[in-house]
Structure formats: C-alpha cells, structure tokens
Amino acid sequence: MNPPAPIPYGVNLQVRGLCKSFDGQAVLHDLAFEVQPGEIFVIMGPSGSGKSVLLKHLIGLEPPDAGEILVNGQSIQTPEIAAKYRLALVFQSGALLNSLTVGENVGLYLTEHRLKTPAEIARIVSEKLTDVGLGDAVDKTPDELSGGMKKRAAIARALVIEPQLILYDEPTSELDPLSSVLISEEIWKLNQRTRVTSLIVTHDRSLAFGVADRIAVMNEGRIITIGTPAEIKKSGLALVQNFLNADFKRDSNHHSL
C-alpha cells in the first residue's frame, strides 16, 4: 500500500487581470493564472516576453497598473497581508555575498533579524545545506563553489525561512547541462519533500518539462496557453511550437572553407 501523499504546505497564488506599462508601452496584458498549493508552476517563454516584469510584481518590487495578486484569497498589495506569508526568491545569479562564508550567507536573514540563537542558526544552516547536498560547504567561500553549487546554496538560503512560496528566477541560467539537471532534480525533490508552492520563471525547456505540474507560456506580455507538460507539447498554437522547436539546423549544402 502506498503511503499517503504529503499535505501541501504551500499557499494558493492567484494573479487576476495584471497589467503594466512603462512610458506608454504595455509590457503585461491582462495576465491571469492560478497556482495551487504545493504545485510546481512554470512560466516559460522567449526573452522579452515579460517574465521578469511579472516576477517583480510577485515579489512587490513593481506595483501593477491594474489587476491584483492574491495569496490564499487575500491581496498581497496590502502590507499587513503580505507580511503574513513567507515568500522566498532564488535569484538568477545566486546573489551570494563573497565577503561571507556559505554558511553565513545561508543564515544571514536569521542572523540579521536575530530570529534564532547562534546555535539554532548553525543547526538550521547545516540542515538546509545538507538538504541541497552541500553539507560540507558551510565554511567555504562563494568563490570556491561551482555555478551549480552556488545555485544550490541560494536554494538553501531560501529554505531557512520555511517558505510557503518559492519563486525561482531562471534557476539553470549560465549552467552546463549536467549542473542544470542537478538543479532541476533539487527543485523537484524539495517540492516533493516539503510540498511548498513553487513558481519558476525560465526559458529552459528541459527544466520546464522535467519538473512542472503545469506550464504557462508567455509571449509579448500575454499568457497564450496553460497546461500540463503533455498538453503544452501537443499544443496546436504556432507560437508555442515555434518556441519549443527553436533549434539550429545546419544547412546540409553548407561546406566549410
């Protein structure tokens, strides 16, 4: 008999009618989608499609011109509501501070806000680094880590606050194919273990189809379709197929000089 599925720990996220323009140029057009508690939801699309602007709205760096963002049915545009929920962002670059050790980077939020004793912080940091396969890196400096290890350290740093929603900004960018696979595995295993709600912004097709429960495809500030990985692969929309099959094909008649 299979064990019962873990109860989702994450929150419900809803985006309703989100619009944003800069200098009269529309960047987001009436975006609407919902992410279920414990789901891995991937937003993918080409560069310039509005993914990064959307992410800035989700973390509160940009106010929308219209529309709203709801967590468990409450608007996070209200400061007291936003403060009720634990949201973590894994930056594209990792954003580790080179002046601190890996352990100090991971525990920085707890240390700065004096939320735990030094002994408790050390225990939590060790636990989270072990969770992402970096248990022996606590005393290393960021410049001693590979690109993939930096990404995993950034994930560990996000985990120390026990987030209910994790946002990933291009988590496999600048990584070699093997490191990209390892990061994808870490994201998937973390979700299975904690059932945190995960939203990933990426143009990495392998990551998207490897970990997503559902995928939203963006183009020119609009979400053009949402579906399971299987549904997206079978989409009859030309824009979707053009993005999914955008591979270089060498002209067989071309000859090098």
Protein backbone atom coordinates (compact mmCIF):
# COMPACT_ATOMS: atom_id res chain seq x y z
CA MET A 1 0.00 0.00 0.00
CA ASN A 2 1.40 3.40 -0.97
CA PRO A 3 1.90 5.95 1.84
CA PRO A 4 -0.50 8.92 1.78
CA ALA A 5 0.64 11.95 -0.21
CA PRO A 6 2.06 14.74 1.97
CA ILE A 7 -0.32 17.56 2.78
CA PRO A 8 0.55 20.69 0.75
CA TYR A 9 2.43 23.17 2.91
CA GLY A 10 2.39 25.91 0.30
CA VAL A 11 -0.11 28.62 -0.43
CA ASN A 12 -2.57 29.28 -3.22
CA LEU A 13 -1.44 32.06 -5.58
CA GLN A 14 -3.79 33.90 -7.94
CA VAL A 15 -2.98 36.59 -10.48
CA ARG A 16 -6.02 38.42 -11.83
CA GLY A 17 -6.07 40.89 -14.70
CA LEU A 18 -2.49 42.09 -14.17
CA CYS A 19 -1.48 44.97 -16.45
CA LYS A 20 1.69 47.05 -16.58
CA SER A 21 3.04 49.71 -18.93
CA PHE A 22 6.29 51.67 -18.97
CA ASP A 23 6.36 55.04 -20.77
CA GLY A 24 3.16 54.17 -22.54
CA GLN A 25 4.46 50.80 -23.73
CA ALA A 26 2.35 47.88 -22.49
CA VAL A 27 4.52 45.12 -21.01
CA LEU A 28 1.93 42.94 -19.26
CA HIS A 29 -1.51 42.45 -20.81
CA ASP A 30 -4.30 41.28 -18.52
CA LEU A 31 -2.37 38.31 -17.07
CA ALA A 32 -4.42 35.75 -15.20
CA PHE A 33 -3.45 32.38 -13.73
CA GLU A 34 -3.69 30.39 -10.52
CA VAL A 35 -1.10 28.20 -8.77
CA GLN A 36 -2.41 25.51 -6.45
CA PRO A 37 -0.85 24.79 -3.01
CA GLY A 38 2.15 22.51 -3.39
CA GLU A 39 2.23 22.82 -7.18
CA ILE A 40 5.29 23.44 -9.37
CA PHE A 41 4.10 26.03 -11.86
CA VAL A 42 6.48 27.07 -14.63
CA ILE A 43 6.22 30.27 -16.66
CA MET A 44 8.28 29.98 -19.80
CA GLY A 45 8.74 31.98 -22.94
CA PRO A 46 11.35 33.79 -25.01
CA SER A 47 13.42 36.71 -23.78
CA GLY A 48 11.42 39.91 -23.68
CA SER A 49 8.09 38.17 -23.13
CA GLY A 50 7.50 39.85 -19.76
CA LYS A 51 8.56 37.06 -17.39
CA SER A 52 10.96 39.19 -15.34
CA VAL A 53 8.45 42.05 -15.03
CA LEU A 54 5.85 39.58 -13.78
CA LEU A 55 8.31 38.25 -11.20
CA LYS A 56 8.95 41.79 -9.92
CA HIS A 57 5.23 42.20 -9.36
CA LEU A 58 5.01 38.92 -7.46
CA ILE A 59 7.73 39.99 -5.02
CA GLY A 60 6.38 43.51 -4.65
CA LEU A 61 9.07 45.44 -6.49
CA GLU A 62 6.60 46.77 -9.09
CA PRO A 63 3.03 47.93 -8.47
CA PRO A 64 0.54 46.91 -11.18
CA ASP A 65 -1.36 49.46 -13.22
CA ALA A 66 -4.40 47.21 -12.90
CA GLY A 67 -5.26 43.81 -11.52
CA GLU A 68 -4.34 42.07 -8.30
CA ILE A 69 -2.19 39.32 -6.79
CA LEU A 70 -3.82 37.14 -4.15
CA VAL A 71 -2.29 34.66 -1.71
CA ASN A 72 -4.85 32.35 -0.12
CA GLY A 73 -7.51 34.72 -1.40
CA GLN A 74 -6.01 37.87 0.15
CA SER A 75 -4.34 40.71 -1.74
CA ILE A 76 -0.60 40.92 -1.08
CA GLN A 77 -0.72 44.55 -2.18
CA THR A 78 -1.86 45.20 1.37
CA PRO A 79 1.33 45.31 3.53
CA GLU A 80 -0.22 43.63 6.58
CA ILE A 81 -1.46 40.77 4.40
CA ALA A 82 1.87 40.39 2.58
CA ALA A 83 3.62 40.17 5.96
CA LYS A 84 1.53 37.12 6.92
CA TYR A 85 3.13 34.88 4.32
CA ARG A 86 6.68 33.61 3.91
CA LEU A 87 7.88 34.13 0.36
CA ALA A 88 11.40 33.37 -0.83
CA LEU A 89 13.17 34.28 -4.06
CA VAL A 90 16.05 32.32 -5.58
CA PHE A 91 17.91 34.88 -7.66
CA GLN A 92 19.15 34.14 -11.15
CA SER A 93 22.75 34.91 -10.15
CA GLY A 94 22.55 33.20 -6.76
CA ALA A 95 23.39 36.60 -5.20
CA LEU A 96 25.77 35.23 -2.57
CA LEU A 97 27.95 37.73 -0.72
CA ASN A 98 31.62 37.00 -1.34
CA SER A 99 32.63 38.54 1.99
CA LEU A 100 30.74 35.82 3.89
CA THR A 101 31.13 32.07 4.07
CA VAL A 102 28.48 29.86 2.52
CA GLY A 103 27.06 29.15 5.97
CA GLU A 104 26.94 32.84 6.83
CA ASN A 105 25.17 33.56 3.53
CA VAL A 106 22.57 30.91 4.18
CA GLY A 107 21.91 32.07 7.74
CA LEU A 108 22.10 35.81 7.00
CA TYR A 109 18.37 36.54 7.29
CA LEU A 110 18.08 34.77 10.64
CA THR A 111 21.23 36.49 11.92
CA GLU A 112 20.32 40.00 10.75
CA HIS A 113 16.82 39.80 12.22
CA ARG A 114 18.00 37.97 15.38
CA LEU A 115 15.28 35.38 14.93
CA LYS A 116 17.27 32.50 16.42
CA THR A 117 20.20 31.94 18.75
CA PRO A 118 23.61 31.37 17.13
CA ALA A 119 23.41 27.68 17.99
CA GLU A 120 19.96 27.37 16.42
CA ILE A 121 21.09 29.22 13.30
CA ALA A 122 24.09 26.91 12.95
CA ARG A 123 21.81 23.87 13.21
CA ILE A 124 19.31 25.23 10.67
CA VAL A 125 22.06 26.25 8.22
CA SER A 126 23.66 22.81 8.44
CA GLU A 127 20.29 21.14 7.89
CA LYS A 128 19.39 23.23 4.85
CA LEU A 129 22.81 22.86 3.24
CA THR A 130 22.61 19.11 3.77
CA ASP A 131 19.16 19.12 2.15
CA VAL A 132 20.69 20.50 -1.07
CA GLY A 133 23.81 18.33 -0.98
CA LEU A 134 26.20 20.97 0.37
CA GLY A 135 26.63 19.75 3.92
CA ASP A 136 30.43 20.03 3.70
CA ALA A 137 30.45 23.55 2.22
CA VAL A 138 29.43 25.55 5.28
CA ASP A 139 32.89 27.08 5.78
CA LYS A 140 33.73 27.57 2.13
CA THR A 141 33.54 30.96 0.42
CA PRO A 142 31.30 31.54 -2.62
CA ASP A 143 34.30 31.80 -4.95
CA GLU A 144 35.20 28.22 -4.03
CA LEU A 145 31.88 26.96 -5.38
CA SER A 146 30.94 25.97 -8.91
CA GLY A 147 27.99 27.66 -10.60
CA GLY A 148 25.68 24.79 -9.76
CA MET A 149 26.80 24.77 -6.12
CA LYS A 150 26.10 28.50 -5.84
CA LYS A 151 22.57 27.90 -7.10
CA ARG A 152 22.06 25.15 -4.52
CA ALA A 153 23.41 27.42 -1.77
CA ALA A 154 20.91 30.07 -2.87
CA ILE A 155 18.11 27.50 -2.58
CA ALA A 156 19.34 26.58 0.93
CA ARG A 157 19.27 30.27 1.87
CA ALA A 158 15.66 30.48 0.69
CA LEU A 159 14.72 27.45 2.79
CA VAL A 160 15.82 28.86 6.16
CA ILE A 161 12.62 30.88 6.49
CA GLU A 162 10.49 27.77 5.85
CA PRO A 163 8.81 29.47 2.86
CA GLN A 164 5.26 28.78 1.76
CA LEU A 165 6.00 30.08 -1.74
CA ILE A 166 9.35 29.93 -3.56
CA LEU A 167 9.95 31.94 -6.73
CA TYR A 168 12.84 30.83 -8.94
CA ASP A 169 14.28 33.30 -11.46
CA GLU A 170 15.98 31.36 -14.29
CA PRO A 171 17.49 28.79 -11.87
CA THR A 172 19.50 26.98 -14.57
CA SER A 173 20.88 30.02 -16.41
CA GLU A 174 24.65 30.04 -17.00
CA LEU A 175 24.94 26.38 -16.01
CA ASP A 176 26.29 23.49 -18.03
CA PRO A 177 23.81 20.73 -18.98
CA LEU A 178 24.79 18.39 -16.13
CA SER A 179 24.54 21.14 -13.49
CA SER A 180 21.17 22.16 -14.94
CA VAL A 181 19.89 18.62 -14.48
CA LEU A 182 21.12 18.54 -10.88
CA ILE A 183 19.39 21.83 -10.05
CA SER A 184 16.20 20.58 -11.68
CA GLU A 185 16.38 17.45 -9.51
CA GLU A 186 16.92 19.56 -6.37
CA ILE A 187 13.87 21.70 -7.12
CA TRP A 188 11.70 18.65 -7.75
CA LYS A 189 12.91 16.76 -4.66
CA LEU A 190 12.43 19.83 -2.48
CA ASN A 191 8.86 20.19 -3.67
CA GLN A 192 8.11 16.51 -3.08
CA ARG A 193 9.58 16.68 0.41
CA THR A 194 8.01 19.95 1.62
CA ARG A 195 5.03 20.50 -0.73
CA VAL A 196 5.92 24.18 -0.87
CA THR A 197 4.28 26.10 -3.73
CA SER A 198 6.91 26.71 -6.41
CA LEU A 199 6.80 29.16 -9.31
CA ILE A 200 9.66 29.00 -11.81
CA VAL A 201 10.38 31.64 -14.45
CA THR A 202 12.57 30.20 -17.18
CA HIS A 203 13.26 29.77 -20.87
CA ASP A 204 14.89 26.36 -20.20
CA ARG A 205 12.66 23.81 -21.91
CA SER A 206 14.34 20.81 -20.26
CA LEU A 207 13.78 22.26 -16.78
CA ALA A 208 10.17 23.16 -17.52
CA PHE A 209 9.17 19.76 -18.89
CA GLY A 210 11.21 17.93 -16.27
CA VAL A 211 9.70 19.41 -13.11
CA ALA A 212 6.44 21.23 -13.89
CA ASP A 213 2.99 20.14 -12.86
CA ARG A 214 1.70 22.83 -15.22
CA ILE A 215 3.30 25.29 -17.62
CA ALA A 216 2.19 28.75 -18.74
CA VAL A 217 3.70 30.03 -21.98
CA MET A 218 4.19 33.80 -22.26
CA ASN A 219 4.74 35.86 -25.37
CA GLU A 220 4.84 39.65 -25.69
CA GLY A 221 3.35 40.19 -22.25
CA ARG A 222 0.50 37.74 -22.63
CA ILE A 223 -0.07 34.20 -21.39
CA ILE A 224 -1.04 32.37 -24.52
CA THR A 225 -1.70 28.93 -23.04
CA ILE A 226 -1.57 26.96 -19.78
CA GLY A 227 -1.47 23.20 -19.46
CA THR A 228 0.34 20.12 -18.25
CA PRO A 229 3.69 19.37 -19.92
CA ALA A 230 1.97 16.81 -22.16
CA GLU A 231 -0.71 19.31 -23.16
CA ILE A 232 1.85 22.02 -23.92
CA LYS A 233 3.87 19.65 -26.11
CA LYS A 234 0.73 18.84 -28.09
CA SER A 235 -0.40 22.45 -28.38
CA GLY A 236 -1.61 23.44 -31.81
CA LEU A 237 -0.57 27.07 -31.32
CA ALA A 238 2.16 28.07 -33.76
CA LEU A 239 3.80 30.42 -31.22
CA VAL A 240 4.16 27.57 -28.75
CA GLN A 241 5.55 25.11 -31.27
CA ASN A 242 7.96 27.71 -32.66
CA PHE A 243 9.36 28.27 -29.17
CA LEU A 244 9.55 24.58 -28.27
CA ASN A 245 11.23 23.62 -31.54
CA ALA A 246 13.60 26.56 -31.92
CA ASP A 247 16.80 24.61 -32.67
CA PHE A 248 19.59 25.43 -35.07
CA LYS A 249 19.63 23.17 -38.11
CA ARG A 250 22.73 23.35 -40.27
CA ASP A 251 22.16 23.63 -44.00
CA SER A 252 23.25 20.29 -45.46
CA ASN A 253 24.51 22.13 -48.52
CA HIS A 254 26.83 24.32 -46.45
CA HIS A 255 30.52 23.46 -46.66
CA SER A 256 33.27 24.98 -44.56
CA LEU A 257 36.05 26.75 -46.42
